[in-house]
Protein backbone atom coordinates (compact mmCIF):
# COMPACT_ATOMS: atom_id res chain seq x y z
CA MET A 1 21.17 40.08 33.05
CA VAL A 2 18.59 38.97 35.81
CA LEU A 3 21.23 36.07 36.67
CA PRO A 4 23.28 37.60 39.34
CA ALA A 5 20.47 38.67 40.91
CA ILE A 6 19.16 35.21 41.61
CA LEU A 7 22.38 33.63 42.02
CA PHE A 8 22.93 36.14 45.13
CA LEU A 9 19.16 35.08 46.23
CA VAL A 10 19.89 31.64 45.58
CA VAL A 11 23.65 32.11 47.45
CA PHE A 12 22.24 34.37 50.44
CA SER A 13 18.28 33.17 50.73
CA TYR A 14 17.60 29.96 49.86
CA ILE A 15 20.22 27.73 50.91
CA PRO A 16 20.74 29.14 54.35
CA MET A 17 17.28 28.06 54.79
CA VAL A 18 17.84 24.95 55.41
CA GLY A 19 19.28 26.16 58.71
CA VAL A 20 15.74 26.40 59.76
CA VAL A 21 16.37 22.95 61.29
CA MET A 22 17.85 24.49 64.30
CA SER A 23 14.98 25.46 65.29
CA PHE A 24 13.54 21.69 66.15
CA VAL A 25 17.04 20.11 67.26
CA ASP A 26 18.97 20.53 69.92
CA TYR A 27 22.04 21.71 68.52
CA ASN A 28 25.36 20.91 68.70
CA PRO A 29 28.00 22.77 66.84
CA VAL A 30 30.17 19.30 67.02
CA VAL A 31 28.15 16.99 65.03
CA GLY A 32 26.00 19.68 63.71
CA PHE A 33 22.26 20.41 63.45
CA ALA A 34 21.70 17.50 61.12
CA GLN A 35 22.82 14.35 64.00
CA SER A 36 21.46 16.85 66.37
CA GLU A 37 19.00 15.70 69.53
CA TRP A 38 15.10 16.21 67.76
CA VAL A 39 13.44 18.13 70.42
CA GLY A 40 9.89 19.58 68.15
CA LEU A 41 8.25 22.77 69.20
CA LYS A 42 10.78 22.43 72.83
CA TYR A 43 12.03 26.46 72.18
CA PHE A 44 8.95 27.45 70.14
CA LYS A 45 6.76 26.85 73.43
CA GLU A 46 9.99 28.37 75.43
CA LEU A 47 9.50 31.85 73.52
CA PHE A 48 5.93 32.10 75.20
CA THR A 49 6.49 31.09 79.02
CA ASP A 50 9.68 33.50 78.55
CA GLN A 51 10.10 35.94 81.52
CA ALA A 52 11.48 38.73 79.07
CA PHE A 53 8.90 37.80 76.08
CA PRO A 54 6.13 40.37 77.02
CA MET A 55 8.63 42.87 77.12
CA ILE A 56 10.60 42.41 73.86
CA MET A 57 7.18 42.22 72.47
CA LYS A 58 5.90 45.55 73.58
CA ASN A 59 9.17 47.60 72.77
CA THR A 60 9.18 45.97 69.66
CA LEU A 61 5.62 46.56 69.10
CA GLY A 62 5.33 49.55 70.80
CA MET A 63 8.48 51.40 68.72
CA ASN A 64 6.97 49.89 65.53
CA LEU A 65 3.65 50.56 65.31
CA ILE A 66 4.65 54.52 67.05
CA GLY A 67 7.96 54.85 64.28
CA LEU A 68 5.32 53.71 61.23
CA ALA A 69 2.38 56.42 62.46
CA VAL A 70 5.27 59.33 62.38
CA SER A 71 7.77 58.16 59.53
CA PHE A 72 5.59 56.93 56.60
CA PRO A 73 3.68 59.92 56.62
CA ALA A 74 6.21 61.84 56.88
CA ALA A 75 8.41 60.23 53.82
CA ILE A 76 5.20 61.34 51.43
CA LEU A 77 4.56 64.49 52.82
CA PHE A 78 8.23 65.41 52.69
CA ALA A 79 7.91 63.86 48.84
CA LEU A 80 5.00 66.46 48.34
CA LEU A 81 6.56 69.46 49.59
CA LEU A 82 9.71 68.74 47.89
CA ASN A 83 7.55 68.46 44.79
CA GLU A 84 6.66 71.69 45.32
CA VAL A 85 9.28 73.34 45.50
CA ARG A 86 10.63 75.40 42.19
CA VAL A 87 13.88 76.44 42.63
CA GLY A 88 16.16 74.16 41.21
CA TRP A 89 19.92 74.82 43.16
CA PHE A 90 17.36 74.51 46.56
CA LYS A 91 15.19 71.23 46.01
CA LYS A 92 18.79 69.37 44.92
CA THR A 93 20.21 71.12 48.09
CA VAL A 94 17.21 69.74 50.40
CA GLN A 95 17.10 66.58 48.94
CA THR A 96 21.53 65.69 48.72
CA ALA A 97 21.06 67.07 52.55
CA SER A 98 17.72 64.74 53.12
CA TYR A 99 19.90 62.02 51.45
CA LEU A 100 22.99 62.03 53.12
CA PRO A 101 22.06 60.81 56.55
CA HIS A 102 21.15 57.41 55.66
CA PHE A 103 24.18 57.20 53.67
CA VAL A 104 26.44 57.50 57.21
CA SER A 105 26.42 54.46 59.47
CA TRP A 106 24.72 54.00 62.27
CA VAL A 107 27.69 53.84 64.75
CA ILE A 108 28.42 56.84 63.41
CA PHE A 109 24.91 58.78 63.55
CA GLY A 110 24.35 57.11 67.08
CA GLY A 111 27.24 58.24 68.53
CA ILE A 112 26.00 61.45 66.75
CA ILE A 113 22.76 61.24 68.66
CA ILE A 114 24.34 59.93 72.37
CA GLN A 115 27.00 62.88 72.17
CA MET A 116 24.22 65.48 71.54
CA LEU A 117 22.19 64.24 74.13
CA SER A 118 25.20 63.35 76.59
CA ALA A 119 24.40 64.75 80.22
CA GLY A 120 28.09 65.70 80.29
CA ASN A 121 29.17 69.37 79.67
CA ASP A 122 29.49 68.66 75.34
CA GLY A 123 25.92 67.79 75.54
CA ILE A 124 24.10 70.43 72.94
CA ILE A 125 20.99 69.71 74.05
CA ASN A 126 21.59 70.19 77.63
CA ASN A 127 23.19 73.41 77.56
CA LEU A 128 20.04 74.69 74.82
CA LEU A 129 17.73 73.39 77.47
CA LEU A 130 19.38 75.33 80.69
CA ARG A 131 20.25 78.61 78.76
CA MET A 132 17.06 78.59 78.12
CA GLY A 133 15.85 77.66 81.91
CA LEU A 134 13.89 74.98 80.77
CA ILE A 135 15.53 72.68 83.26
CA ASP A 136 17.51 73.28 86.59
CA ARG A 137 19.59 70.35 86.13
CA PRO A 138 21.66 68.29 82.69
CA ILE A 139 18.85 65.40 81.47
CA ASN A 140 20.16 61.87 81.01
CA PHE A 141 18.54 61.38 78.06
CA MET A 142 20.52 58.40 77.37
CA GLY A 143 19.71 56.85 80.90
CA GLU A 144 16.08 56.95 80.84
CA PRO A 145 13.92 53.99 79.56
CA SER A 146 10.52 56.31 79.24
CA LEU A 147 12.47 58.34 77.06
CA PHE A 148 14.47 55.77 74.50
CA TRP A 149 11.42 54.80 72.33
CA GLY A 150 10.81 58.52 71.42
CA ILE A 151 14.84 58.63 70.63
CA HIS A 152 14.54 56.13 68.67
CA ILE A 153 11.88 57.46 67.08
CA ALA A 154 13.20 60.47 66.16
CA SER A 155 16.74 59.48 65.55
CA SER A 156 15.11 56.49 62.45
CA LEU A 157 12.93 59.02 60.88
CA ILE A 158 15.99 61.76 60.84
CA LYS A 159 18.50 59.48 59.29
CA GLY A 160 15.78 57.52 57.08
CA LEU A 161 13.56 60.26 56.00
CA GLY A 162 14.69 61.68 52.09
CA TRP A 163 15.69 58.21 51.79
CA ASN A 164 12.16 56.73 52.35
CA SER A 165 10.54 59.31 50.27
CA ILE A 166 12.58 58.71 46.94
CA MET A 167 10.04 55.99 45.72
CA TYR A 168 7.55 58.44 46.32
CA ILE A 169 9.17 61.17 43.84
CA ALA A 170 9.71 59.09 41.21
CA ALA A 171 6.25 57.81 41.76
CA ILE A 172 5.31 62.06 41.38
CA GLY A 173 8.03 62.01 38.68
CA GLY A 174 5.71 59.46 36.54
CA ILE A 175 2.38 61.26 36.81
CA ASN A 176 1.04 63.04 33.26
CA GLY A 177 2.04 66.60 33.72
CA GLU A 178 -1.07 67.26 31.17
CA LEU A 179 -3.25 66.60 34.42
CA TYR A 180 -1.55 69.89 36.14
CA GLU A 181 -1.81 71.65 33.20
CA ALA A 182 -5.72 71.05 33.01
CA ALA A 183 -6.02 71.25 36.30
CA GLU A 184 -4.77 75.19 36.40
CA ILE A 185 -6.77 76.34 33.91
CA ASP A 186 -9.73 75.49 36.16
CA GLY A 187 -8.25 77.28 38.71
CA ALA A 188 -6.31 74.19 41.17
CA GLY A 189 -4.62 75.53 43.46
CA ARG A 190 -0.85 73.84 45.14
CA PHE A 191 -2.71 72.32 47.34
CA ARG A 192 -5.73 71.32 45.34
CA LYS A 193 -3.50 69.78 42.35
CA MET A 194 -1.90 68.35 45.07
CA TRP A 195 -4.41 66.41 46.93
CA ASN A 196 -6.59 66.08 43.55
CA ILE A 197 -3.47 64.54 41.12
CA THR A 198 -0.54 63.82 42.99
CA LEU A 199 -1.90 61.79 45.65
CA PRO A 200 -4.11 60.07 43.88
CA GLY A 201 -1.32 59.32 41.46
CA ILE A 202 1.08 57.65 43.82
CA SER A 203 -1.56 56.29 45.82
CA ALA A 204 -0.76 52.40 44.07
CA THR A 205 3.00 53.40 45.25
CA ILE A 206 1.96 53.78 49.05
CA VAL A 207 -0.21 51.38 49.11
CA ILE A 208 2.62 48.83 48.10
CA MET A 209 5.13 50.77 50.19
CA LEU A 210 2.40 50.13 53.36
CA ILE A 211 2.00 46.88 52.85
CA PHE A 212 5.53 46.26 52.92
CA ALA A 213 5.89 48.26 56.34
CA ILE A 214 2.86 46.38 57.99
CA SER A 215 4.34 43.09 57.02
CA GLY A 216 8.15 44.49 58.76
CA ILE A 217 6.06 45.69 61.59
CA LEU A 218 7.91 43.13 64.12
CA ASN A 219 11.68 44.37 62.54
CA SER A 220 13.38 46.75 64.90
CA SER A 221 16.87 48.52 63.21
CA MET A 222 18.93 45.94 65.14
CA ASP A 223 21.85 48.59 63.97
CA SER A 224 19.94 51.64 66.01
CA THR A 225 19.16 49.76 68.73
CA LEU A 226 22.41 48.24 69.10
CA VAL A 227 24.07 51.52 69.07
CA LEU A 228 21.66 53.43 71.20
CA GLN A 229 21.22 50.62 73.44
CA ASN A 230 22.49 50.57 77.35
CA ASP A 231 22.09 48.82 80.72
CA LEU A 232 20.36 51.65 81.86
CA ASN A 233 17.86 52.03 79.07
CA TYR A 234 17.58 48.30 78.26
CA THR A 235 13.91 47.60 79.53
CA ALA A 236 12.73 50.51 76.76
CA SER A 237 15.21 48.82 74.55
CA GLU A 238 15.15 45.33 74.18
CA THR A 239 13.45 44.53 71.19
CA ILE A 240 12.57 41.08 69.32
CA ASP A 241 15.88 41.31 66.71
CA MET A 242 17.88 42.10 69.89
CA TYR A 243 16.94 39.32 72.25
CA VAL A 244 18.12 36.98 69.34
CA TYR A 245 21.27 38.33 69.37
CA HIS A 246 21.86 38.48 73.14
CA VAL A 247 20.72 34.77 73.26
CA GLY A 248 22.00 33.28 69.93
CA ILE A 249 25.49 35.57 69.75
CA SER A 250 26.03 36.12 73.64
CA ASN A 251 24.64 33.32 75.30
CA TYR A 252 25.42 30.81 72.18
CA ARG A 253 22.18 29.23 72.37
CA PHE A 254 21.36 28.98 68.50
CA SER A 255 18.12 26.56 68.39
CA TYR A 256 16.47 29.07 70.67
CA ALA A 257 17.50 32.11 68.60
CA THR A 258 16.86 30.18 65.02
CA ALA A 259 13.01 29.59 66.44
CA ILE A 260 12.35 32.77 67.83
CA GLY A 261 13.63 34.11 64.08
CA LEU A 262 12.00 31.40 62.34
CA LEU A 263 8.70 32.59 63.84
CA LYS A 264 9.49 36.63 63.43
CA SER A 265 9.49 35.40 59.78
CA VAL A 266 5.76 33.24 59.84
CA VAL A 267 4.46 36.20 61.58
CA ALA A 268 5.60 38.51 58.87
CA LEU A 269 4.34 36.40 56.25
CA ILE A 270 0.96 36.06 57.36
CA LEU A 271 1.05 39.98 58.26
CA LEU A 272 2.02 40.97 54.83
CA LEU A 273 -0.68 38.49 53.14
CA THR A 274 -3.17 39.77 55.35
CA ALA A 275 -2.62 43.37 54.32
CA ASN A 276 -2.39 42.62 51.09
CA TYR A 277 -5.70 41.32 50.85
CA THR A 278 -7.07 43.75 52.50
CA SER A 279 -5.86 45.89 50.22
CA LYS A 280 -7.37 44.43 47.96
CA LYS A 281 -10.67 44.40 49.15
CA ILE A 282 -10.20 48.54 49.78
CA THR A 283 -8.60 50.11 47.34
CA ASP A 284 -8.29 47.26 44.91
CA LYS A 285 -4.37 47.69 44.37
CA GLY A 286 -2.44 45.41 46.14
CA LEU A 287 1.14 43.61 45.46
CA PHE A 288 -0.44 40.36 43.77
């Protein structure tokens, strides 16, 4: 039963790793990377001297760190609050409504966000702010670089909140119900049970998910950025993933793009090992 998953990993994850050689050669599509000129660390050095490097690092780290600080505890809080809902039909309705955005493609979801924030007559947000007297003229939300981070983080939170909470909801379901009964006998209220039973009961899951989140701190949602990015907000929306897409696909600089991707993977591995080591030292919990 595990064989299909193993074959999938081999075909789509391990075999393509041969292509990392492209980052050390001046890739020529005609002769292939095996016969292309070897240039060593040329493209890695070029990345650190690239004028765009400070901008893409600032955008990547800024959006991801703020997004992690907002979305990670939000998913835990949502799972905790949802667990306290006692009306069955209402709980299922909220769950379904929160999961639904995850299954909507970013092309559609991002289009809705852009339409809502439009500066035209059909922009719901601008019309609402104008009627409330909070602004005198429509705001071009998607054209303001200073607003892009907030728009990206908020839209990602809305889209992924329900889906990100699934692991915590499943972990809560595995907590022994007798612990809650004993706490009720001792006079504990809902908040006390949540703090003393539910949170400790899912602490291992929280730690593992946090380690994964830290290791992926350089991974930006390319789907969302590709949809929301435009020429006006480029300086605030160009991340590492988008930069790889632009230089690798649009400019055909395959070796340079591969070098950036490889370097990002190495950093992700270092972050994963560091976060796991720190977690083991502090909480005695980790991936391995």
